[in-house]
């Protein structure tokens, strides 16, 4: 939430992630604004992409740890 507020203070942040009219996701922000960006705006979009990568990596890491723990505890 804090990253969304810092990177895009002009947009309203909503939690409706599955709606078709919600352009405020990280990927949509990059896709919609990259073509018209130049200078510092490109740097902000690249930083946004890096944040998306870190979030994806963290979720995958946590999921892998949960699956590994569940599969090792179930084996007798």
N, C-alpha and C. Protein backbone atom coordinates (compact mmCIF):
# COMPACT_ATOMS: atom_id res chain seq x y z
N UNK A 1 0.82 -1.19 0.00
CA UNK A 1 0.00 0.00 0.00
C UNK A 1 0.86 1.25 0.00
N UNK A 2 1.92 1.26 0.79
CA UNK A 2 2.78 2.44 0.85
C UNK A 2 3.48 2.68 -0.48
N UNK A 3 3.91 1.61 -1.14
CA UNK A 3 4.57 1.76 -2.44
C UNK A 3 3.61 2.32 -3.46
N UNK A 4 2.36 1.86 -3.45
CA UNK A 4 1.36 2.38 -4.38
C UNK A 4 1.12 3.86 -4.15
N UNK A 5 1.09 4.28 -2.91
CA UNK A 5 0.87 5.70 -2.62
C UNK A 5 2.07 6.56 -3.01
N UNK A 6 3.28 6.04 -2.85
CA UNK A 6 4.47 6.81 -3.19
C UNK A 6 4.65 6.91 -4.69
N UNK A 7 4.46 5.81 -5.40
CA UNK A 7 4.72 5.80 -6.83
C UNK A 7 3.62 6.45 -7.65
N UNK A 8 2.39 6.42 -7.18
CA UNK A 8 1.29 7.01 -7.94
C UNK A 8 0.37 7.81 -7.04
N UNK A 9 0.81 8.97 -6.59
CA UNK A 9 -0.03 9.75 -5.68
C UNK A 9 -1.24 10.38 -6.36
N UNK A 10 -1.30 10.36 -7.70
CA UNK A 10 -2.41 10.99 -8.40
C UNK A 10 -3.57 10.04 -8.64
N UNK A 11 -3.35 8.74 -8.48
CA UNK A 11 -4.38 7.76 -8.74
C UNK A 11 -5.01 7.31 -7.43
N UNK A 12 -6.25 6.91 -7.53
CA UNK A 12 -6.94 6.36 -6.38
C UNK A 12 -6.61 4.88 -6.30
N UNK A 13 -6.17 4.42 -5.15
CA UNK A 13 -5.83 3.02 -4.96
C UNK A 13 -7.07 2.29 -4.48
N UNK A 14 -7.44 1.24 -5.23
CA UNK A 14 -8.59 0.43 -4.84
C UNK A 14 -8.13 -1.01 -4.62
N UNK A 15 -8.95 -1.77 -3.96
CA UNK A 15 -8.64 -3.16 -3.68
C UNK A 15 -9.46 -4.11 -4.55
N UNK A 16 -10.13 -3.59 -5.58
CA UNK A 16 -10.90 -4.40 -6.51
C UNK A 16 -9.94 -4.90 -7.59
N UNK A 17 -9.21 -5.98 -7.29
CA UNK A 17 -8.17 -6.46 -8.18
C UNK A 17 -8.69 -7.27 -9.35
N UNK A 18 -9.92 -7.77 -9.28
CA UNK A 18 -10.42 -8.59 -10.37
C UNK A 18 -11.38 -7.84 -11.29
N UNK A 19 -11.63 -6.59 -11.03
CA UNK A 19 -12.51 -5.80 -11.88
C UNK A 19 -11.84 -5.44 -13.19
N UNK A 20 -12.62 -5.32 -14.24
CA UNK A 20 -12.06 -5.02 -15.55
C UNK A 20 -11.79 -3.53 -15.73
N UNK A 21 -12.30 -2.69 -14.87
CA UNK A 21 -12.11 -1.25 -15.00
C UNK A 21 -11.10 -0.70 -14.00
N UNK A 22 -10.30 -1.57 -13.40
CA UNK A 22 -9.34 -1.15 -12.38
C UNK A 22 -7.95 -1.02 -13.00
N UNK A 23 -7.52 0.19 -13.38
CA UNK A 23 -6.19 0.34 -13.97
C UNK A 23 -5.11 0.61 -12.93
N UNK A 24 -5.41 0.43 -11.65
CA UNK A 24 -4.45 0.82 -10.62
C UNK A 24 -3.60 -0.34 -10.11
N UNK A 25 -3.52 -1.44 -10.85
CA UNK A 25 -2.59 -2.49 -10.47
C UNK A 25 -1.20 -2.11 -10.95
N UNK A 26 -0.19 -2.74 -10.42
CA UNK A 26 1.18 -2.38 -10.78
C UNK A 26 1.44 -2.65 -12.25
N UNK A 27 1.03 -3.81 -12.74
CA UNK A 27 1.27 -4.14 -14.15
C UNK A 27 0.51 -3.20 -15.09
N UNK A 28 -0.72 -2.86 -14.73
CA UNK A 28 -1.49 -1.93 -15.56
C UNK A 28 -0.88 -0.54 -15.55
N UNK A 29 -0.35 -0.12 -14.42
CA UNK A 29 0.31 1.17 -14.33
C UNK A 29 1.49 1.25 -15.28
N UNK A 30 2.30 0.19 -15.32
CA UNK A 30 3.45 0.15 -16.21
C UNK A 30 2.99 0.14 -17.67
N UNK A 31 2.04 -0.73 -17.99
CA UNK A 31 1.60 -0.88 -19.37
C UNK A 31 0.94 0.38 -19.92
N UNK A 32 0.14 1.05 -19.11
CA UNK A 32 -0.58 2.21 -19.59
C UNK A 32 0.27 3.47 -19.69
N UNK A 33 1.32 3.57 -18.88
CA UNK A 33 2.07 4.81 -18.82
C UNK A 33 3.44 4.76 -19.48
N UNK A 34 3.93 3.58 -19.86
CA UNK A 34 5.29 3.49 -20.35
C UNK A 34 5.48 4.17 -21.70
N UNK A 35 4.52 4.07 -22.60
CA UNK A 35 4.67 4.63 -23.95
C UNK A 35 4.77 6.15 -23.93
N UNK A 36 4.09 6.79 -23.01
CA UNK A 36 4.07 8.26 -22.95
C UNK A 36 5.10 8.83 -22.01
N UNK A 37 5.93 8.00 -21.41
CA UNK A 37 6.86 8.46 -20.38
C UNK A 37 8.21 8.82 -20.97
N UNK A 38 8.87 9.73 -20.29
CA UNK A 38 10.24 10.08 -20.64
C UNK A 38 10.93 10.63 -19.39
N UNK A 39 12.25 10.53 -19.38
CA UNK A 39 13.02 11.07 -18.26
C UNK A 39 12.78 10.33 -16.97
N UNK A 40 12.45 11.08 -15.94
CA UNK A 40 12.25 10.52 -14.60
C UNK A 40 11.04 9.59 -14.54
N UNK A 41 10.04 9.82 -15.36
CA UNK A 41 8.85 8.96 -15.36
C UNK A 41 9.21 7.53 -15.77
N UNK A 42 10.16 7.37 -16.69
CA UNK A 42 10.60 6.03 -17.07
C UNK A 42 11.29 5.37 -15.89
N UNK A 43 12.09 6.12 -15.15
CA UNK A 43 12.76 5.57 -13.97
C UNK A 43 11.74 5.12 -12.93
N UNK A 44 10.67 5.85 -12.76
CA UNK A 44 9.62 5.48 -11.80
C UNK A 44 8.94 4.19 -12.25
N UNK A 45 8.70 4.06 -13.55
CA UNK A 45 8.05 2.85 -14.06
C UNK A 45 8.98 1.64 -13.94
N UNK A 46 10.27 1.83 -14.16
CA UNK A 46 11.22 0.72 -13.98
C UNK A 46 11.28 0.33 -12.51
N UNK A 47 11.26 1.30 -11.62
CA UNK A 47 11.23 1.00 -10.18
C UNK A 47 9.94 0.27 -9.81
N UNK A 48 8.84 0.64 -10.44
CA UNK A 48 7.58 -0.05 -10.22
C UNK A 48 7.68 -1.50 -10.65
N UNK A 49 8.34 -1.73 -11.80
CA UNK A 49 8.56 -3.10 -12.26
C UNK A 49 9.42 -3.90 -11.29
N UNK A 50 10.41 -3.24 -10.71
CA UNK A 50 11.26 -3.90 -9.72
C UNK A 50 10.45 -4.28 -8.47
N UNK A 51 9.57 -3.40 -8.06
CA UNK A 51 8.69 -3.70 -6.91
C UNK A 51 7.80 -4.90 -7.24
N UNK A 52 7.26 -4.94 -8.46
CA UNK A 52 6.43 -6.07 -8.87
C UNK A 52 7.24 -7.36 -8.85
N UNK A 53 8.49 -7.31 -9.31
CA UNK A 53 9.35 -8.49 -9.29
C UNK A 53 9.60 -8.96 -7.85
N UNK A 54 9.87 -8.04 -6.95
CA UNK A 54 10.14 -8.40 -5.56
C UNK A 54 8.90 -9.02 -4.91
N UNK A 55 7.74 -8.46 -5.18
CA UNK A 55 6.51 -9.01 -4.63
C UNK A 55 6.28 -10.42 -5.17
N UNK A 56 6.47 -10.61 -6.48
CA UNK A 56 6.30 -11.93 -7.09
C UNK A 56 7.29 -12.93 -6.52
N UNK A 57 8.53 -12.52 -6.36
CA UNK A 57 9.55 -13.40 -5.81
C UNK A 57 9.21 -13.80 -4.38
N UNK A 58 8.77 -12.84 -3.57
CA UNK A 58 8.43 -13.13 -2.18
C UNK A 58 7.26 -14.09 -2.08
N UNK A 59 6.24 -13.89 -2.90
CA UNK A 59 5.08 -14.79 -2.87
C UNK A 59 5.49 -16.19 -3.29
N UNK A 60 6.30 -16.30 -4.34
CA UNK A 60 6.75 -17.62 -4.77
C UNK A 60 7.64 -18.29 -3.73
N UNK A 61 8.50 -17.53 -3.07
CA UNK A 61 9.37 -18.07 -2.04
C UNK A 61 8.56 -18.61 -0.86
N UNK A 62 7.57 -17.85 -0.43
CA UNK A 62 6.72 -18.26 0.68
C UNK A 62 5.90 -19.50 0.30
N UNK A 63 5.37 -19.52 -0.92
CA UNK A 63 4.59 -20.67 -1.36
C UNK A 63 5.45 -21.92 -1.43
N UNK A 64 6.67 -21.78 -1.93
CA UNK A 64 7.57 -22.93 -2.02
C UNK A 64 7.92 -23.45 -0.62
N UNK A 65 8.12 -22.53 0.33
CA UNK A 65 8.43 -22.94 1.70
C UNK A 65 7.24 -23.67 2.33
N UNK A 66 6.04 -23.21 2.07
CA UNK A 66 4.85 -23.87 2.61
C UNK A 66 4.69 -25.26 2.00
N UNK A 67 4.86 -25.38 0.70
CA UNK A 67 4.72 -26.68 0.04
C UNK A 67 5.79 -27.64 0.52
N UNK A 68 7.02 -27.16 0.66
CA UNK A 68 8.11 -28.02 1.13
C UNK A 68 7.84 -28.49 2.56
N UNK A 69 7.38 -27.61 3.41
CA UNK A 69 7.10 -27.97 4.80
C UNK A 69 5.94 -28.95 4.89
N UNK A 70 4.90 -28.75 4.08
CA UNK A 70 3.75 -29.65 4.09
C UNK A 70 4.13 -31.02 3.56
N UNK A 71 4.95 -31.08 2.51
CA UNK A 71 5.29 -32.39 1.94
C UNK A 71 6.27 -33.15 2.82
N UNK A 72 7.16 -32.44 3.52
CA UNK A 72 8.11 -33.14 4.40
C UNK A 72 7.46 -33.58 5.71
N UNK A 73 6.43 -32.90 6.18
CA UNK A 73 5.78 -33.31 7.42
C UNK A 73 4.79 -34.45 7.19
N UNK A 74 4.32 -34.61 5.95
CA UNK A 74 3.36 -35.67 5.67
C UNK A 74 4.01 -37.01 5.43
N UNK A 75 5.32 -37.07 5.20
CA UNK A 75 6.01 -38.33 4.92
C UNK A 75 6.44 -38.96 6.22
N UNK A 76 6.11 -40.25 6.43
CA UNK A 76 6.48 -40.94 7.66
C UNK A 76 7.62 -41.90 7.44
